[in-house]
Amino acid sequence: MTEWSDFEWVVWRLEVQDPSQLAGEDPDLDERTKETMTELAGSLGCVYEHCVDTDTYSDGTPYYAWWVRLPAAEHARHDKDGIPQALGPLRQYLTTQLPDGLKWEITPDREYTVDHAGSTAMRTAYDDLIAPFERALIPLRRDGADALDPRAKVWKWEADLLVGTFDLWLCNDPDRPHTWLVVTVGLWTEPQLFDEEPAARLGHFDFTPHHPLLFLPRPPGPVTFTARAESGPFPDKSSSRTKAADAIAAAHQWTANDPAVLAERVAHDLKLLWPHLTGPERS
């Protein structure tokens, strides 16, 4: 198993259990703590990730949890209880937002740590594809999409293969309420791309053979790149695809052998398909 010292960043989870719901039925901790946690973590050289405040354990016990990403140096600076010193001020702040008497559990989160490392490696490996799309599409974002950072995400892990996507939230679909238009870029894939059980390998997480995917290790060239603009109920960064076929409102796809050409073509066509992308921000 990989040691913590192998990671440049380690994600820690700060959790409290509230079996008696002392914080109330709707504590709204995510919104109430987001700004302060972001600023405080940043001042400590760390990165605040997110919070969950509506989940329960299988026995029905409510819990609230916050995830914070620490650089390796801060992860290694422990207090007498073995907790990174940088988490002290964060926990102290959170106690001011919670009732007394709740049980705390503060632990490193291996799943999130490995996920971040894999996603960072994937983004680095495909910078020649991702960078042109960010330059072309980030200026077009509307409707609060600028609050959702573009994301390289590993969805499938195997011993010798990582499969992921790169997603960029563009705007709300003006023709369908409560849906995002998300642009995904990657490689054009065929079922025979891999010799070993190709359907099973590509079918996991509902990937279809022509869905834009990123692979590590990166397949040797030449390759065909593809971009897909799709609208659907993608509520947040933990989900970029819908599983129900009828959930997709619109889908458009492009291919090219040159990432810069592909990005230019996609940006041009998106402006024609959704003219409001080139107009002033709607209030």
Protein backbone atom coordinates (compact mmCIF):
# COMPACT_ATOMS: atom_id res chain seq x y z
CA MET A 1 0.00 0.00 0.00
CA THR A 2 1.26 3.48 -0.85
CA GLU A 3 2.71 5.40 2.10
CA TRP A 4 1.47 8.88 2.99
CA SER A 5 4.98 10.20 2.37
CA ASP A 6 4.57 9.31 -1.31
CA PHE A 7 1.94 12.03 -1.81
CA GLU A 8 2.54 15.73 -2.42
CA TRP A 9 -0.88 16.45 -0.90
CA VAL A 10 -2.84 14.53 1.73
CA VAL A 11 -6.58 15.03 2.22
CA TRP A 12 -7.85 15.00 5.81
CA ARG A 13 -11.44 14.52 6.95
CA LEU A 14 -12.85 16.33 9.98
CA GLU A 15 -16.07 14.67 11.07
CA VAL A 16 -18.56 15.03 13.90
CA GLN A 17 -21.41 12.65 14.68
CA ASP A 18 -24.71 14.06 15.88
CA PRO A 19 -26.96 11.14 16.92
CA SER A 20 -29.41 13.42 18.72
CA GLN A 21 -29.49 15.99 15.89
CA LEU A 22 -28.41 18.73 18.26
CA ALA A 23 -27.51 20.87 15.24
CA GLY A 24 -31.10 20.67 14.00
CA GLU A 25 -32.74 18.99 11.04
CA ASP A 26 -31.22 21.44 8.55
CA PRO A 27 -27.91 22.68 10.00
CA ASP A 28 -26.82 24.34 6.71
CA LEU A 29 -23.20 23.87 7.72
CA ASP A 30 -21.95 23.65 4.15
CA GLU A 31 -23.02 27.17 3.24
CA ARG A 32 -22.36 28.65 6.68
CA THR A 33 -18.77 27.45 6.90
CA LYS A 34 -17.62 27.46 3.27
CA GLU A 35 -16.24 30.99 3.07
CA THR A 36 -14.42 30.95 6.41
CA MET A 37 -13.04 27.44 5.90
CA THR A 38 -11.76 28.40 2.45
CA GLU A 39 -10.03 31.54 3.73
CA LEU A 40 -8.69 29.95 6.90
CA ALA A 41 -7.34 26.87 5.13
CA GLY A 42 -5.67 29.08 2.53
CA SER A 43 -3.99 31.17 5.22
CA LEU A 44 -2.50 27.94 6.60
CA GLY A 45 -1.15 26.83 3.24
CA CYS A 46 -3.92 24.27 2.78
CA VAL A 47 -6.92 23.89 0.47
CA TYR A 48 -10.49 23.50 1.68
CA GLU A 49 -12.31 20.95 -0.47
CA HIS A 50 -15.95 20.56 0.57
CA CYS A 51 -18.45 19.68 3.29
CA VAL A 52 -21.35 17.26 3.65
CA ASP A 53 -24.05 18.07 6.18
CA THR A 54 -27.04 15.94 5.17
CA ASP A 55 -25.63 12.40 5.26
CA THR A 56 -26.24 9.64 7.79
CA TYR A 57 -24.65 6.32 8.68
CA SER A 58 -26.49 3.07 7.95
CA ASP A 59 -27.97 3.17 11.45
CA GLY A 60 -29.45 6.61 10.79
CA THR A 61 -26.89 8.61 12.78
CA PRO A 62 -26.36 12.04 11.18
CA TYR A 63 -22.82 13.23 10.66
CA TYR A 64 -21.13 16.34 9.27
CA ALA A 65 -17.74 16.21 7.57
CA TRP A 66 -15.25 18.63 6.06
CA TRP A 67 -12.34 17.72 3.78
CA VAL A 68 -9.12 19.75 3.71
CA ARG A 69 -6.09 19.10 1.50
CA LEU A 70 -2.69 19.55 3.18
CA PRO A 71 0.71 19.80 1.50
CA ALA A 72 3.11 17.06 2.55
CA ALA A 73 5.03 19.37 4.88
CA GLU A 74 1.89 20.33 6.83
CA HIS A 75 0.69 16.73 6.89
CA ALA A 76 3.95 15.79 8.61
CA ARG A 77 3.74 18.53 11.30
CA HIS A 78 1.74 16.76 14.01
CA ASP A 79 0.60 17.88 17.43
CA LYS A 80 0.80 15.68 20.53
CA ASP A 81 -2.32 13.79 19.42
CA GLY A 82 -0.90 12.96 15.99
CA ILE A 83 -3.12 15.48 14.18
CA PRO A 84 -1.53 17.96 11.75
CA GLN A 85 -1.07 21.29 13.48
CA ALA A 86 -2.68 23.12 10.55
CA LEU A 87 -6.00 21.44 11.34
CA GLY A 88 -6.12 22.92 14.84
CA PRO A 89 -7.45 26.36 13.86
CA LEU A 90 -9.92 24.76 11.45
CA ARG A 91 -11.35 22.49 14.11
CA GLN A 92 -11.44 25.38 16.57
CA TYR A 93 -13.50 27.42 14.13
CA LEU A 94 -15.88 24.54 13.41
CA THR A 95 -16.57 24.05 17.11
CA THR A 96 -18.00 27.58 17.16
CA GLN A 97 -20.53 26.50 14.52
CA LEU A 98 -21.63 23.31 16.29
CA PRO A 99 -23.39 22.40 19.53
CA ASP A 100 -21.30 21.13 22.43
CA GLY A 101 -20.99 17.43 23.15
CA LEU A 102 -20.51 16.07 19.63
CA LYS A 103 -18.00 13.31 18.91
CA TRP A 104 -15.07 14.31 16.68
CA GLU A 105 -13.08 12.05 14.36
CA ILE A 106 -10.16 13.50 12.39
CA THR A 107 -8.39 11.15 9.99
CA PRO A 108 -6.52 11.20 6.67
CA ASP A 109 -8.74 10.16 3.77
CA ARG A 110 -6.85 7.73 1.54
CA GLU A 111 -9.52 7.59 -1.17
CA TYR A 112 -9.60 11.36 -1.67
CA THR A 113 -5.81 11.60 -1.45
CA VAL A 114 -5.26 8.95 -4.11
CA ASP A 115 -8.01 10.47 -6.26
CA HIS A 116 -6.37 13.90 -6.15
CA ALA A 117 -2.96 12.47 -7.01
CA GLY A 118 -4.37 10.51 -9.95
CA SER A 119 -6.35 13.47 -11.25
CA THR A 120 -3.30 15.74 -11.03
CA ALA A 121 -1.20 13.22 -12.95
CA MET A 122 -3.91 12.90 -15.59
CA ARG A 123 -4.18 16.64 -16.05
CA THR A 124 -0.41 16.94 -16.41
CA ALA A 125 -0.24 14.13 -18.97
CA TYR A 126 -2.92 15.78 -21.14
CA ASP A 127 -1.97 19.43 -20.79
CA ASP A 128 -1.61 19.70 -24.58
CA LEU A 129 -5.32 18.87 -24.85
CA ILE A 130 -6.69 20.58 -21.75
CA ALA A 131 -4.90 23.93 -22.01
CA PRO A 132 -6.35 24.92 -25.43
CA PHE A 133 -9.87 24.16 -24.21
CA GLU A 134 -9.45 26.19 -21.05
CA ARG A 135 -8.14 29.14 -23.05
CA ALA A 136 -11.03 28.90 -25.51
CA LEU A 137 -13.94 28.13 -23.19
CA ILE A 138 -13.24 29.68 -19.80
CA PRO A 139 -14.01 33.21 -21.10
CA LEU A 140 -17.43 31.95 -22.27
CA ARG A 141 -18.64 30.63 -18.93
CA ARG A 142 -21.93 31.94 -17.57
CA ASP A 143 -24.54 31.36 -14.87
CA GLY A 144 -22.10 30.71 -12.05
CA ALA A 145 -20.07 28.10 -13.92
CA ASP A 146 -16.94 30.08 -13.05
CA ALA A 147 -17.39 28.87 -9.46
CA LEU A 148 -16.86 25.28 -10.65
CA ASP A 149 -13.23 24.79 -11.57
CA PRO A 150 -12.56 22.63 -14.63
CA ARG A 151 -11.78 19.15 -13.42
CA ALA A 152 -9.68 16.19 -14.44
CA LYS A 153 -11.18 13.21 -12.64
CA VAL A 154 -10.18 9.56 -12.44
CA TRP A 155 -13.29 7.36 -12.44
CA LYS A 156 -11.78 3.91 -12.85
CA TRP A 157 -8.66 2.43 -11.28
CA GLU A 158 -6.91 -0.74 -12.36
CA ALA A 159 -3.44 -2.04 -11.62
CA ASP A 160 -2.13 -0.90 -14.99
CA LEU A 161 -4.75 1.58 -16.19
CA LEU A 162 -6.51 4.74 -15.01
CA VAL A 163 -9.58 5.97 -16.89
CA GLY A 164 -10.94 9.46 -16.41
CA THR A 165 -12.45 12.56 -17.94
CA PHE A 166 -11.83 16.27 -18.16
CA ASP A 167 -14.98 18.33 -17.62
CA LEU A 168 -15.61 22.05 -17.93
CA TRP A 169 -18.91 23.53 -16.76
CA LEU A 170 -19.97 26.16 -19.30
CA CYS A 171 -23.46 27.49 -18.50
CA ASN A 172 -27.03 26.56 -17.72
CA ASP A 173 -28.99 25.10 -20.60
CA PRO A 174 -31.35 27.96 -21.55
CA ASP A 175 -33.86 25.47 -22.94
CA ARG A 176 -34.04 23.23 -19.88
CA PRO A 177 -34.21 24.52 -16.29
CA HIS A 178 -31.82 23.20 -13.65
CA THR A 179 -29.36 21.63 -16.09
CA TRP A 180 -25.73 22.39 -16.83
CA LEU A 181 -24.01 22.41 -20.18
CA VAL A 182 -20.76 20.52 -19.59
CA VAL A 183 -17.95 20.13 -22.12
CA THR A 184 -15.89 16.95 -21.80
CA VAL A 185 -12.68 16.40 -23.77
CA GLY A 186 -10.52 13.34 -24.25
CA LEU A 187 -9.50 10.64 -26.70
CA TRP A 188 -11.78 9.11 -29.28
CA THR A 189 -12.03 5.46 -28.27
CA GLU A 190 -13.07 2.34 -30.10
CA PRO A 191 -13.99 -0.96 -28.40
CA GLN A 192 -10.87 -2.60 -29.81
CA LEU A 193 -8.57 0.03 -28.27
CA PHE A 194 -7.67 -2.50 -25.60
CA ASP A 195 -7.23 -6.18 -26.33
CA GLU A 196 -8.32 -7.37 -22.90
CA GLU A 197 -12.09 -7.32 -22.28
CA PRO A 198 -12.62 -3.96 -24.00
CA ALA A 199 -16.36 -3.78 -23.43
CA ALA A 200 -16.02 -4.35 -19.70
CA ARG A 201 -13.14 -1.91 -19.37
CA LEU A 202 -14.92 0.90 -21.20
CA GLY A 203 -18.41 0.10 -19.99
CA HIS A 204 -17.68 0.73 -16.32
CA PHE A 205 -19.27 3.95 -14.98
CA ASP A 206 -21.57 3.90 -18.03
CA PHE A 207 -18.82 5.00 -20.41
CA THR A 208 -19.71 4.41 -24.03
CA PRO A 209 -17.00 3.64 -26.61
CA HIS A 210 -17.07 7.17 -28.04
CA HIS A 211 -17.26 9.07 -24.77
CA PRO A 212 -14.22 11.39 -24.46
CA LEU A 213 -11.85 9.59 -22.10
CA LEU A 214 -8.37 10.10 -20.69
CA PHE A 215 -6.06 7.16 -20.00
CA LEU A 216 -2.94 6.71 -17.92
CA PRO A 217 -0.58 5.59 -19.17
CA ARG A 218 -1.37 7.68 -22.22
CA PRO A 219 -1.70 5.56 -25.37
CA PRO A 220 1.07 6.14 -27.92
CA GLY A 221 0.17 8.42 -30.82
CA PRO A 222 -1.15 9.22 -33.24
CA VAL A 223 -4.56 9.64 -31.62
CA THR A 224 -7.85 11.32 -32.41
CA PHE A 225 -9.14 13.82 -29.87
CA THR A 226 -12.82 14.41 -29.22
CA ALA A 227 -15.00 16.88 -27.33
CA ARG A 228 -18.59 16.41 -26.26
CA ALA A 229 -20.95 19.16 -25.11
CA GLU A 230 -23.81 17.71 -23.13
CA SER A 231 -26.56 19.21 -21.02
CA GLY A 232 -28.18 17.43 -18.14
CA PRO A 233 -28.74 17.58 -14.38
CA PHE A 234 -25.10 17.65 -13.32
CA PRO A 235 -25.53 19.24 -9.88
CA ASP A 236 -21.94 19.50 -8.70
CA LYS A 237 -18.36 18.45 -9.24
CA SER A 238 -18.91 14.97 -7.88
CA SER A 239 -20.95 14.06 -10.95
CA SER A 240 -20.36 14.93 -14.57
CA ARG A 241 -22.51 12.34 -16.28
CA THR A 242 -26.09 11.20 -15.99
CA LYS A 243 -26.86 7.49 -16.05
CA ALA A 244 -30.41 7.68 -17.40
CA ALA A 245 -30.52 8.05 -21.17
CA ASP A 246 -33.56 10.32 -21.05
CA ALA A 247 -31.76 12.72 -18.70
CA ILE A 248 -29.67 14.16 -21.55
CA ALA A 249 -31.25 17.28 -23.00
CA ALA A 250 -28.72 17.96 -25.77
CA ALA A 251 -25.45 16.46 -26.95
CA HIS A 252 -22.96 17.56 -29.60
CA GLN A 253 -19.60 15.97 -30.42
CA TRP A 254 -16.52 16.94 -32.42
CA THR A 255 -13.28 15.17 -33.39
CA ALA A 256 -9.90 16.33 -34.67
CA ASN A 257 -6.27 15.24 -34.64
CA ASP A 258 -5.02 18.59 -33.34
CA PRO A 259 -6.20 19.74 -29.87
CA ALA A 260 -5.88 23.44 -30.73
CA VAL A 261 -7.94 23.03 -33.90
CA LEU A 262 -10.53 21.04 -31.97
CA ALA A 263 -10.81 23.67 -29.23
CA GLU A 264 -11.22 26.47 -31.77
CA ARG A 265 -13.90 24.54 -33.65
CA VAL A 266 -15.82 23.70 -30.48
CA ALA A 267 -15.74 27.29 -29.22
CA HIS A 268 -16.94 28.58 -32.60
CA ASP A 269 -19.84 26.13 -32.77
CA LEU A 270 -20.89 26.60 -29.14
CA LYS A 271 -21.29 30.33 -29.75
CA LEU A 272 -23.64 29.53 -32.63
CA LEU A 273 -25.57 26.89 -30.70
CA TRP A 274 -25.91 29.05 -27.57
CA PRO A 275 -25.63 32.71 -28.65
CA HIS A 276 -26.00 34.00 -25.09
CA LEU A 277 -22.44 32.82 -24.42
CA THR A 278 -21.15 35.84 -26.34
CA GLY A 279 -23.52 38.35 -24.78
CA PRO A 280 -23.46 40.11 -21.40
CA GLU A 281 -23.93 38.02 -18.28
CA ARG A 282 -27.59 37.58 -17.46
CA SER A 283 -28.77 38.86 -14.10
